[in-house]
C-alpha atoms as a PDB file:
ATOM      1  CA  MET A   1     -28.753  22.775  -3.473  1.00  0.00           C
ATOM      2  CA  LEU A   2     -26.261  21.805  -6.192  1.00  0.00           C
ATOM      3  CA  ASP A   3     -27.353  20.412  -9.553  1.00  0.00           C
ATOM      4  CA  VAL A   4     -24.852  19.377 -12.245  1.00  0.00           C
ATOM      5  CA  ARG A   5     -26.518  18.641 -15.579  1.00  0.00           C
ATOM      6  CA  GLY A   6     -24.740  17.114 -18.563  1.00  0.00           C
ATOM      7  CA  LEU A   7     -21.500  18.903 -17.727  1.00  0.00           C
ATOM      8  CA  ARG A   8     -18.879  18.720 -20.455  1.00  0.00           C
ATOM      9  CA  LYS A   9     -15.425  20.279 -20.727  1.00  0.00           C
ATOM     10  CA  VAL A  10     -13.129  20.223 -23.747  1.00  0.00           C
ATOM     11  CA  TYR A  11      -9.689  21.866 -23.801  1.00  0.00           C
ATOM     12  CA  GLU A  12      -8.488  23.112 -27.176  1.00  0.00           C
ATOM     13  CA  GLY A  13      -5.215  24.726 -28.158  1.00  0.00           C
ATOM     14  CA  SER A  14      -1.983  24.245 -30.126  1.00  0.00           C
ATOM     15  CA  GLY A  15      -3.791  21.965 -32.542  1.00  0.00           C
ATOM     16  CA  ARG A  16      -4.891  19.632 -29.750  1.00  0.00           C
ATOM     17  CA  ARG A  17      -8.352  18.808 -28.486  1.00  0.00           C
ATOM     18  CA  VAL A  18      -8.748  17.037 -25.128  1.00  0.00           C
ATOM     19  CA  GLU A  19     -12.150  16.014 -23.810  1.00  0.00           C
ATOM     20  CA  ALA A  20     -11.658  16.094 -20.028  1.00  0.00           C
ATOM     21  CA  VAL A  21     -15.266  15.727 -18.914  1.00  0.00           C
ATOM     22  CA  ARG A  22     -17.815  14.108 -21.207  1.00  0.00           C
ATOM     23  CA  ASP A  23     -21.220  14.036 -19.523  1.00  0.00           C
ATOM     24  CA  LEU A  24     -21.519  14.514 -15.774  1.00  0.00           C
ATOM     25  CA  THR A  25     -24.901  14.609 -14.105  1.00  0.00           C
ATOM     26  CA  PHE A  26     -25.504  14.461 -10.351  1.00  0.00           C
ATOM     27  CA  THR A  27     -27.083  16.422  -7.510  1.00  0.00           C
ATOM     28  CA  VAL A  28     -26.066  17.304  -3.972  1.00  0.00           C
ATOM     29  CA  ALA A  29     -28.868  17.935  -1.495  1.00  0.00           C
ATOM     30  CA  ALA A  30     -28.826  20.800   0.978  1.00  0.00           C
ATOM     31  CA  GLY A  31     -26.801  19.831   4.036  1.00  0.00           C
ATOM     32  CA  GLU A  32     -25.304  16.728   2.389  1.00  0.00           C
ATOM     33  CA  LEU A  33     -21.616  15.773   2.482  1.00  0.00           C
ATOM     34  CA  VAL A  34     -20.716  14.063  -0.802  1.00  0.00           C
ATOM     35  CA  CYS A  35     -17.291  12.765  -1.785  1.00  0.00           C
ATOM     36  CA  LEU A  36     -16.101  12.517  -5.392  1.00  0.00           C
ATOM     37  CA  VAL A  37     -13.486   9.884  -6.144  1.00  0.00           C
ATOM     38  CA  GLY A  38     -12.098   8.427  -9.342  1.00  0.00           C
ATOM     39  CA  PRO A  39      -8.955   7.264 -11.157  1.00  0.00           C
ATOM     40  CA  SER A  40      -5.977   9.599 -11.299  1.00  0.00           C
ATOM     41  CA  GLY A  41      -6.361  12.152 -14.091  1.00  0.00           C
ATOM     42  CA  CYS A  42     -10.103  11.616 -14.458  1.00  0.00           C
ATOM     43  CA  GLY A  43     -10.929  15.326 -14.310  1.00  0.00           C
ATOM     44  CA  LYS A  44     -11.944  15.774 -10.669  1.00  0.00           C
ATOM     45  CA  THR A  45     -10.312  19.192 -10.352  1.00  0.00           C
ATOM     46  CA  THR A  46     -11.703  20.316 -13.722  1.00  0.00           C
ATOM     47  CA  LEU A  47     -15.161  19.333 -12.514  1.00  0.00           C
ATOM     48  CA  LEU A  48     -14.754  21.239  -9.247  1.00  0.00           C
ATOM     49  CA  LYS A  49     -13.548  24.370 -11.044  1.00  0.00           C
ATOM     50  CA  CYS A  50     -16.615  24.250 -13.287  1.00  0.00           C
ATOM     51  CA  VAL A  51     -18.894  23.769 -10.278  1.00  0.00           C
ATOM     52  CA  GLY A  52     -17.211  26.692  -8.506  1.00  0.00           C
ATOM     53  CA  GLY A  53     -17.561  29.013 -11.488  1.00  0.00           C
ATOM     54  CA  LEU A  54     -13.799  29.252 -12.016  1.00  0.00           C
ATOM     55  CA  LEU A  55     -13.933  27.476 -15.378  1.00  0.00           C
ATOM     56  CA  ALA A  56     -16.598  27.783 -18.051  1.00  0.00           C
ATOM     57  CA  PRO A  57     -17.973  24.412 -19.178  1.00  0.00           C
ATOM     58  CA  THR A  58     -18.095  23.509 -22.856  1.00  0.00           C
ATOM     59  CA  GLY A  59     -21.576  22.099 -22.432  1.00  0.00           C
ATOM     60  CA  GLY A  60     -24.201  21.450 -19.789  1.00  0.00           C
ATOM     61  CA  GLU A  61     -24.769  23.602 -16.729  1.00  0.00           C
ATOM     62  CA  VAL A  62     -24.303  23.885 -12.989  1.00  0.00           C
ATOM     63  CA  LEU A  63     -27.142  25.194 -10.826  1.00  0.00           C
ATOM     64  CA  LEU A  64     -26.749  26.488  -7.275  1.00  0.00           C
ATOM     65  CA  ALA A  65     -30.093  26.733  -5.480  1.00  0.00           C
ATOM     66  CA  GLY A  66     -31.785  26.805  -8.878  1.00  0.00           C
ATOM     67  CA  ARG A  67     -29.597  29.524 -10.410  1.00  0.00           C
ATOM     68  CA  THR A  68     -27.059  28.926 -13.157  1.00  0.00           C
ATOM     69  CA  VAL A  69     -23.439  29.266 -12.063  1.00  0.00           C
ATOM     70  CA  ALA A  70     -21.743  31.618 -14.559  1.00  0.00           C
ATOM     71  CA  GLY A  71     -18.929  32.760 -12.270  1.00  0.00           C
ATOM     72  CA  PRO A  72     -17.908  32.338  -8.622  1.00  0.00           C
ATOM     73  CA  PRO A  73     -21.276  32.551  -6.790  1.00  0.00           C
ATOM     74  CA  PRO A  74     -21.550  34.494  -3.517  1.00  0.00           C
ATOM     75  CA  GLY A  75     -22.886  31.506  -1.578  1.00  0.00           C
ATOM     76  CA  MET A  76     -19.938  29.210  -2.267  1.00  0.00           C
ATOM     77  CA  ALA A  77     -16.393  28.859  -0.916  1.00  0.00           C
ATOM     78  CA  ILE A  78     -13.494  26.669  -2.071  1.00  0.00           C
ATOM     79  CA  VAL A  79     -10.618  25.097  -0.140  1.00  0.00           C
ATOM     80  CA  PHE A  80      -7.748  24.139  -2.437  1.00  0.00           C
ATOM     81  CA  GLN A  81      -5.136  21.419  -2.098  1.00  0.00           C
ATOM     82  CA  GLU A  82      -2.117  23.732  -2.114  1.00  0.00           C
ATOM     83  CA  TYR A  83      -2.633  25.741   1.064  1.00  0.00           C
ATOM     84  CA  GLY A  84       0.829  27.317   0.682  1.00  0.00           C
ATOM     85  CA  ARG A  85      -0.306  29.006  -2.532  1.00  0.00           C
ATOM     86  CA  SER A  86      -3.757  30.027  -1.315  1.00  0.00           C
ATOM     87  CA  LEU A  87      -2.553  31.951   1.750  1.00  0.00           C
ATOM     88  CA  PHE A  88      -0.704  35.255   1.482  1.00  0.00           C
ATOM     89  CA  PRO A  89       2.594  34.880   3.396  1.00  0.00           C
ATOM     90  CA  TRP A  90       2.951  38.646   4.055  1.00  0.00           C
ATOM     91  CA  MET A  91      -0.465  38.764   5.758  1.00  0.00           C
ATOM     92  CA  ARG A  92      -1.128  37.514   9.259  1.00  0.00           C
ATOM     93  CA  VAL A  93      -3.494  34.603   9.814  1.00  0.00           C
ATOM     94  CA  GLY A  94      -6.360  36.834  10.890  1.00  0.00           C
ATOM     95  CA  GLU A  95      -5.907  39.038   7.842  1.00  0.00           C
ATOM     96  CA  ASN A  96      -5.898  36.005   5.533  1.00  0.00           C
ATOM     97  CA  VAL A  97      -9.165  34.788   7.021  1.00  0.00           C
ATOM     98  CA  GLU A  98     -10.725  38.246   6.852  1.00  0.00           C
ATOM     99  CA  LEU A  99      -9.745  38.967   3.237  1.00  0.00           C
ATOM    100  CA  PRO A 100     -12.862  37.631   1.411  1.00  0.00           C
ATOM    101  CA  LEU A 101     -15.124  39.305   3.979  1.00  0.00           C
ATOM    102  CA  ARG A 102     -14.033  42.727   2.761  1.00  0.00           C
ATOM    103  CA  GLN A 103     -16.034  42.130  -0.417  1.00  0.00           C
ATOM    104  CA  LYS A 104     -19.269  41.593   1.542  1.00  0.00           C
ATOM    105  CA  GLY A 105     -19.669  45.118   2.873  1.00  0.00           C
ATOM    106  CA  LEU A 106     -19.588  44.015   6.513  1.00  0.00           C
ATOM    107  CA  SER A 107     -18.609  46.257   9.388  1.00  0.00           C
ATOM    108  CA  ARG A 108     -15.149  45.856  10.886  1.00  0.00           C
ATOM    109  CA  ALA A 109     -16.674  44.557  14.116  1.00  0.00           C
ATOM    110  CA  ARG A 110     -18.679  41.902  12.276  1.00  0.00           C
ATOM    111  CA  ARG A 111     -15.625  40.850  10.260  1.00  0.00           C
ATOM    112  CA  ARG A 112     -13.590  40.445  13.426  1.00  0.00           C
ATOM    113  CA  GLU A 113     -16.391  38.424  14.998  1.00  0.00           C
ATOM    114  CA  LEU A 114     -16.542  36.043  12.024  1.00  0.00           C
ATOM    115  CA  VAL A 115     -12.743  35.668  11.908  1.00  0.00           C
ATOM    116  CA  ALA A 116     -12.529  34.885  15.629  1.00  0.00           C
ATOM    117  CA  ASP A 117     -15.364  32.350  15.404  1.00  0.00           C
ATOM    118  CA  ALA A 118     -13.844  30.607  12.365  1.00  0.00           C
ATOM    119  CA  LEU A 119     -10.368  30.372  13.891  1.00  0.00           C
ATOM    120  CA  GLU A 120     -11.819  29.005  17.124  1.00  0.00           C
ATOM    121  CA  SER A 121     -13.797  26.423  15.138  1.00  0.00           C
ATOM    122  CA  VAL A 122     -10.604  25.030  13.589  1.00  0.00           C
ATOM    123  CA  GLY A 123      -8.605  25.124  16.825  1.00  0.00           C
ATOM    124  CA  LEU A 124      -6.504  28.205  16.016  1.00  0.00           C
ATOM    125  CA  ALA A 125      -8.029  30.802  18.305  1.00  0.00           C
ATOM    126  CA  ASP A 126      -4.578  32.009  19.403  1.00  0.00           C
ATOM    127  CA  ALA A 127      -2.967  32.100  15.946  1.00  0.00           C
ATOM    128  CA  ALA A 128      -4.562  35.232  14.469  1.00  0.00           C
ATOM    129  CA  GLY A 129      -1.378  37.269  14.869  1.00  0.00           C
ATOM    130  CA  ALA A 130       0.979  34.695  13.362  1.00  0.00           C
ATOM    131  CA  TYR A 131       2.129  34.522   9.747  1.00  0.00           C
ATOM    132  CA  PRO A 132       1.252  31.402   7.720  1.00  0.00           C
ATOM    133  CA  TRP A 133       4.925  30.484   7.293  1.00  0.00           C
ATOM    134  CA  GLN A 134       5.240  30.250  11.066  1.00  0.00           C
ATOM    135  CA  LEU A 135       2.682  27.423  11.152  1.00  0.00           C
ATOM    136  CA  SER A 136       2.878  23.748  10.232  1.00  0.00           C
ATOM    137  CA  GLY A 137       1.300  22.484   7.016  1.00  0.00           C
ATOM    138  CA  GLY A 138      -1.705  21.115   8.849  1.00  0.00           C
ATOM    139  CA  MET A 139      -2.229  24.401  10.679  1.00  0.00           C
ATOM    140  CA  GLN A 140      -1.983  26.329   7.413  1.00  0.00           C
ATOM    141  CA  GLN A 141      -4.707  24.173   5.917  1.00  0.00           C
ATOM    142  CA  ARG A 142      -6.823  24.869   8.996  1.00  0.00           C
ATOM    143  CA  VAL A 143      -6.372  28.569   8.246  1.00  0.00           C
ATOM    144  CA  ALA A 144      -7.609  27.966   4.691  1.00  0.00           C
ATOM    145  CA  ILE A 145     -10.648  26.125   6.080  1.00  0.00           C
ATOM    146  CA  ALA A 146     -11.258  28.943   8.578  1.00  0.00           C
ATOM    147  CA  ARG A 147     -11.218  31.487   5.756  1.00  0.00           C
ATOM    148  CA  ALA A 148     -13.907  29.489   3.955  1.00  0.00           C
ATOM    149  CA  LEU A 149     -15.999  29.163   7.142  1.00  0.00           C
ATOM    150  CA  ALA A 150     -15.801  32.882   7.909  1.00  0.00           C
ATOM    151  CA  TYR A 151     -17.356  33.563   4.514  1.00  0.00           C
ATOM    152  CA  GLU A 152     -20.457  31.678   5.745  1.00  0.00           C
ATOM    153  CA  PRO A 153     -20.993  29.695   2.540  1.00  0.00           C
ATOM    154  CA  GLY A 154     -24.047  27.617   1.800  1.00  0.00           C
ATOM    155  CA  VAL A 155     -21.850  25.260  -0.241  1.00  0.00           C
ATOM    156  CA  LEU A 156     -18.234  24.363   0.499  1.00  0.00           C
ATOM    157  CA  LEU A 157     -16.085  22.809  -2.238  1.00  0.00           C
ATOM    158  CA  MET A 158     -12.895  21.018  -1.157  1.00  0.00           C
ATOM    159  CA  ASP A 159     -10.312  19.960  -3.746  1.00  0.00           C
ATOM    160  CA  GLU A 160      -8.136  17.196  -2.246  1.00  0.00           C
ATOM    161  CA  PRO A 161      -7.400  19.533   0.673  1.00  0.00           C
ATOM    162  CA  PHE A 162      -5.413  17.026   2.757  1.00  0.00           C
ATOM    163  CA  ALA A 163      -3.223  15.492   0.056  1.00  0.00           C
ATOM    164  CA  ALA A 164      -0.120  17.443   1.094  1.00  0.00           C
ATOM    165  CA  VAL A 165      -0.158  16.717   4.837  1.00  0.00           C
ATOM    166  CA  ASP A 166       1.074  13.721   6.823  1.00  0.00           C
ATOM    167  CA  ALA A 167      -1.204  10.808   7.732  1.00  0.00           C
ATOM    168  CA  GLN A 168      -1.798  11.809  11.353  1.00  0.00           C
ATOM    169  CA  THR A 169      -2.617  15.405  10.445  1.00  0.00           C
ATOM    170  CA  ARG A 170      -4.858  14.152   7.659  1.00  0.00           C
ATOM    171  CA  ALA A 171      -6.875  12.065  10.114  1.00  0.00           C
ATOM    172  CA  ASP A 172      -7.289  15.073  12.418  1.00  0.00           C
ATOM    173  CA  LEU A 173      -8.434  17.273   9.530  1.00  0.00           C
ATOM    174  CA  GLU A 174     -10.927  14.649   8.344  1.00  0.00           C
ATOM    175  CA  ASP A 175     -12.509  14.623  11.792  1.00  0.00           C
ATOM    176  CA  LEU A 176     -12.480  18.421  11.798  1.00  0.00           C
ATOM    177  CA  VAL A 177     -14.420  18.558   8.515  1.00  0.00           C
ATOM    178  CA  ARG A 178     -17.054  16.073   9.666  1.00  0.00           C
ATOM    179  CA  GLY A 179     -17.422  17.956  12.920  1.00  0.00           C
ATOM    180  CA  LEU A 180     -17.843  21.306  11.170  1.00  0.00           C
ATOM    181  CA  TRP A 181     -20.294  19.783   8.719  1.00  0.00           C
ATOM    182  CA  ARG A 182     -22.483  18.503  11.535  1.00  0.00           C
ATOM    183  CA  GLU A 183     -22.256  21.713  13.566  1.00  0.00           C
ATOM    184  CA  ARG A 184     -22.884  24.171  10.739  1.00  0.00           C
ATOM    185  CA  GLY A 185     -25.143  22.196   8.414  1.00  0.00           C
ATOM    186  CA  MET A 186     -23.161  23.136   5.309  1.00  0.00           C
ATOM    187  CA  THR A 187     -23.428  21.403   1.958  1.00  0.00           C
ATOM    188  CA  ILE A 188     -19.993  19.964   1.159  1.00  0.00           C
ATOM    189  CA  LEU A 189     -18.656  18.517  -2.084  1.00  0.00           C
ATOM    190  CA  PHE A 190     -15.310  16.931  -1.252  1.00  0.00           C
ATOM    191  CA  VAL A 191     -12.957  15.768  -4.024  1.00  0.00           C
ATOM    192  CA  THR A 192     -10.340  13.174  -3.086  1.00  0.00           C
ATOM    193  CA  HIS A 193      -8.203  10.451  -4.661  1.00  0.00           C
ATOM    194  CA  ASP A 194      -8.182   8.508  -1.377  1.00  0.00           C
ATOM    195  CA  ILE A 195     -10.839   5.769  -1.243  1.00  0.00           C
ATOM    196  CA  ASP A 196     -10.685   5.340   2.528  1.00  0.00           C
ATOM    197  CA  GLU A 197     -11.086   9.080   3.015  1.00  0.00           C
ATOM    198  CA  ALA A 198     -14.106   9.178   0.708  1.00  0.00           C
ATOM    199  CA  VAL A 199     -15.867   6.379   2.600  1.00  0.00           C
ATOM    200  CA  TYR A 200     -14.946   7.765   6.038  1.00  0.00           C
ATOM    201  CA  LEU A 201     -16.088  11.324   5.298  1.00  0.00           C
ATOM    202  CA  GLY A 202     -19.013  10.992   2.948  1.00  0.00           C
ATOM    203  CA  GLU A 203     -22.678  10.314   3.387  1.00  0.00           C
ATOM    204  CA  ARG A 204     -22.541   9.424  -0.299  1.00  0.00           C
ATOM    205  CA  VAL A 205     -19.653   8.611  -2.644  1.00  0.00           C
ATOM    206  CA  ILE A 206     -19.802   9.431  -6.354  1.00  0.00           C
ATOM    207  CA  VAL A 207     -17.374   7.278  -8.330  1.00  0.00           C
ATOM    208  CA  LEU A 208     -16.152   8.801 -11.595  1.00  0.00           C
ATOM    209  CA  SER A 209     -14.930   6.960 -14.657  1.00  0.00           C
ATOM    210  CA  ALA A 210     -11.571   7.423 -16.330  1.00  0.00           C
ATOM    211  CA  SER A 211     -11.274  10.450 -18.626  1.00  0.00           C
ATOM    212  CA  PRO A 212     -13.344  11.550 -20.504  1.00  0.00           C
ATOM    213  CA  THR A 213     -15.321  11.490 -17.301  1.00  0.00           C
ATOM    214  CA  VAL A 214     -18.855  10.347 -16.573  1.00  0.00           C
ATOM    215  CA  VAL A 215     -20.502   9.271 -13.322  1.00  0.00           C
ATOM    216  CA  ARG A 216     -19.834   5.568 -12.929  1.00  0.00           C
ATOM    217  CA  GLU A 217     -21.694   4.854  -9.698  1.00  0.00           C
ATOM    218  CA  GLN A 218     -23.228   6.594  -6.699  1.00  0.00           C
ATOM    219  CA  LEU A 219     -22.956   4.775  -3.404  1.00  0.00           C
ATOM    220  CA  LYS A 220     -24.809   5.620  -0.220  1.00  0.00           C
ATOM    221  CA  VAL A 221     -22.526   5.271   2.809  1.00  0.00           C
ATOM    222  CA  ASP A 222     -24.647   3.656   5.513  1.00  0.00           C
ATOM    223  CA  LEU A 223     -22.117   4.021   8.316  1.00  0.00           C
ATOM    224  CA  PRO A 224     -23.199   5.626  11.624  1.00  0.00           C
ATOM    225  CA  VAL A 225     -23.210   9.411  11.688  1.00  0.00           C
ATOM    226  CA  GLU A 226     -20.889   9.282  14.692  1.00  0.00           C
ATOM    227  CA  ARG A 227     -17.526   8.187  13.283  1.00  0.00           C
ATOM    228  CA  ASP A 228     -14.000   8.065  14.616  1.00  0.00           C
ATOM    229  CA  GLN A 229     -10.662   7.013  13.199  1.00  0.00           C
ATOM    230  CA  LEU A 230     -10.106   4.200  15.684  1.00  0.00           C
ATOM    231  CA  HIS A 231     -13.369   2.272  15.387  1.00  0.00           C
ATOM    232  CA  THR A 232     -14.963   3.243  12.066  1.00  0.00           C
ATOM    233  CA  ARG A 233     -12.023   2.242   9.882  1.00  0.00           C
ATOM    234  CA  VAL A 234     -11.834  -1.277  11.356  1.00  0.00           C
ATOM    235  CA  ALA A 235     -15.583  -1.907  11.128  1.00  0.00           C
ATOM    236  CA  PRO A 236     -16.582  -4.722   8.717  1.00  0.00           C
ATOM    237  CA  ARG A 237     -19.048  -2.432   6.953  1.00  0.00           C
ATOM    238  CA  PHE A 238     -16.315   0.131   6.283  1.00  0.00           C
ATOM    239  CA  ALA A 239     -14.225  -2.595   4.636  1.00  0.00           C
ATOM    240  CA  GLU A 240     -17.169  -3.687   2.479  1.00  0.00           C
ATOM    241  CA  LEU A 241     -17.850  -0.161   1.278  1.00  0.00           C
ATOM    242  CA  ARG A 242     -14.182   0.515   0.650  1.00  0.00           C
ATOM    243  CA  THR A 243     -13.909  -2.686  -1.404  1.00  0.00           C
ATOM    244  CA  GLN A 244     -16.895  -1.773  -3.551  1.00  0.00           C
ATOM    245  CA  VAL A 245     -15.502   1.682  -4.356  1.00  0.00           C
ATOM    246  CA  TYR A 246     -12.063   0.213  -5.065  1.00  0.00           C
ATOM    247  CA  GLU A 247     -13.551  -2.363  -7.447  1.00  0.00           C
ATOM    248  CA  GLN A 248     -15.392   0.356  -9.342  1.00  0.00           C
ATOM    249  CA  ILE A 249     -12.247   2.471  -9.729  1.00  0.00           C
ATOM    250  CA  GLN A 250     -10.182  -0.487 -10.888  1.00  0.00           C
ATOM    251  CA  ALA A 251     -12.884  -1.382 -13.408  1.00  0.00           C
ATOM    252  CA  ALA A 252     -12.931   2.237 -14.579  1.00  0.00           C
ATOM    253  CA  LYS A 253      -9.209   2.099 -15.254  1.00  0.00           C
ATOM    254  CA  HIS A 254      -9.738  -0.909 -17.513  1.00  0.00           C
ATOM    255  CA  GLY A 255     -12.737   0.602 -19.278  1.00  0.00           C
ATOM    256  CA  THR A 256     -15.355  -1.924 -18.184  1.00  0.00           C
ATOM    257  CA  PRO A 257     -18.985  -0.759 -18.080  1.00  0.00           C
ATOM    258  CA  GLY A 258     -20.220   0.823 -14.864  1.00  0.00           C
ATOM    259  CA  GLU A 259     -23.439   0.562 -12.918  1.00  0.00           C
ATOM    260  CA  PRO A 260     -26.393   2.868 -13.542  1.00  0.00           C
ATOM    261  CA  PRO A 261     -25.575   6.345 -12.203  1.00  0.00           C
ATOM    262  CA  GLY A 262     -28.438   6.612  -9.708  1.00  0.00           C
ATOM    263  CA  PRO A 263     -27.801   6.371  -5.937  1.00  0.00           C
ATOM    264  CA  THR A 264     -27.545   2.772  -4.765  1.00  0.00           C
ATOM    265  CA  GLU A 265     -27.289   0.952  -1.478  1.00  0.00           C
ATOM    266  CA  ALA A 266     -24.096  -1.048  -1.211  1.00  0.00           C
ATOM    267  CA  PRO A 267     -24.934  -4.756  -0.816  1.00  0.00           C
ATOM    268  CA  SER A 268     -24.370  -6.158   2.635  1.00  0.00           C
ATOM    269  CA  ALA A 269     -22.117  -9.124   3.207  1.00  0.00           C
ATOM    270  CA  THR A 270     -25.065 -10.879   4.816  1.00  0.00           C
END
């Protein structure tokens, strides 16, 4: 579904040249939930903007279902970290969710149907008439997720979407994303700086190096598909996977060589 080949991004200006992303190559299969994690400042957001067609790469290419991404593609939606800046405060919740649908040429009845379904999916069926500023931070981020769902994307990109909410709300939103992923069969690329979140959410974790960024390791998460905050996070296997990702990120910070970039099974403690 998503194919990133030799992606490179260099920022130039004011006599400075910064290589943010050096050579990123990975794929995301249709219906897969993949988490990207790496050291702070490693270029995760730059990568996601290039994948989403919001930023032109300096080199390499991004393919969505075999077609080169040269701008925001119609089959993709993005949920940003700063929900307060992605929602229009003068528009009601339902209007915020409906906004991107107006570009699809859908009838008003169909738009209303999609909005109602998306809001119900994120637990906000009764909030359509409220303004975003009347909702908590966690509820506002649910609105942002609902807007992406209503668009019916084949691929959903999420850029550290829970970084600005409290721990309890974050846990609820993590479970919401996994539930929506299973129900709707979407392809999700989820960027996070939180190692535990990456292991809990992902079916695979891609570990990035420090900037200029390359893929350091790809780790298959062999936890059960059914996961919950209470039992999954205290499971021995969760701790093993978390430790392996943490070791890779710490090594990346110190510039030590990484493992081959192909998908690997994490070694068992036994």
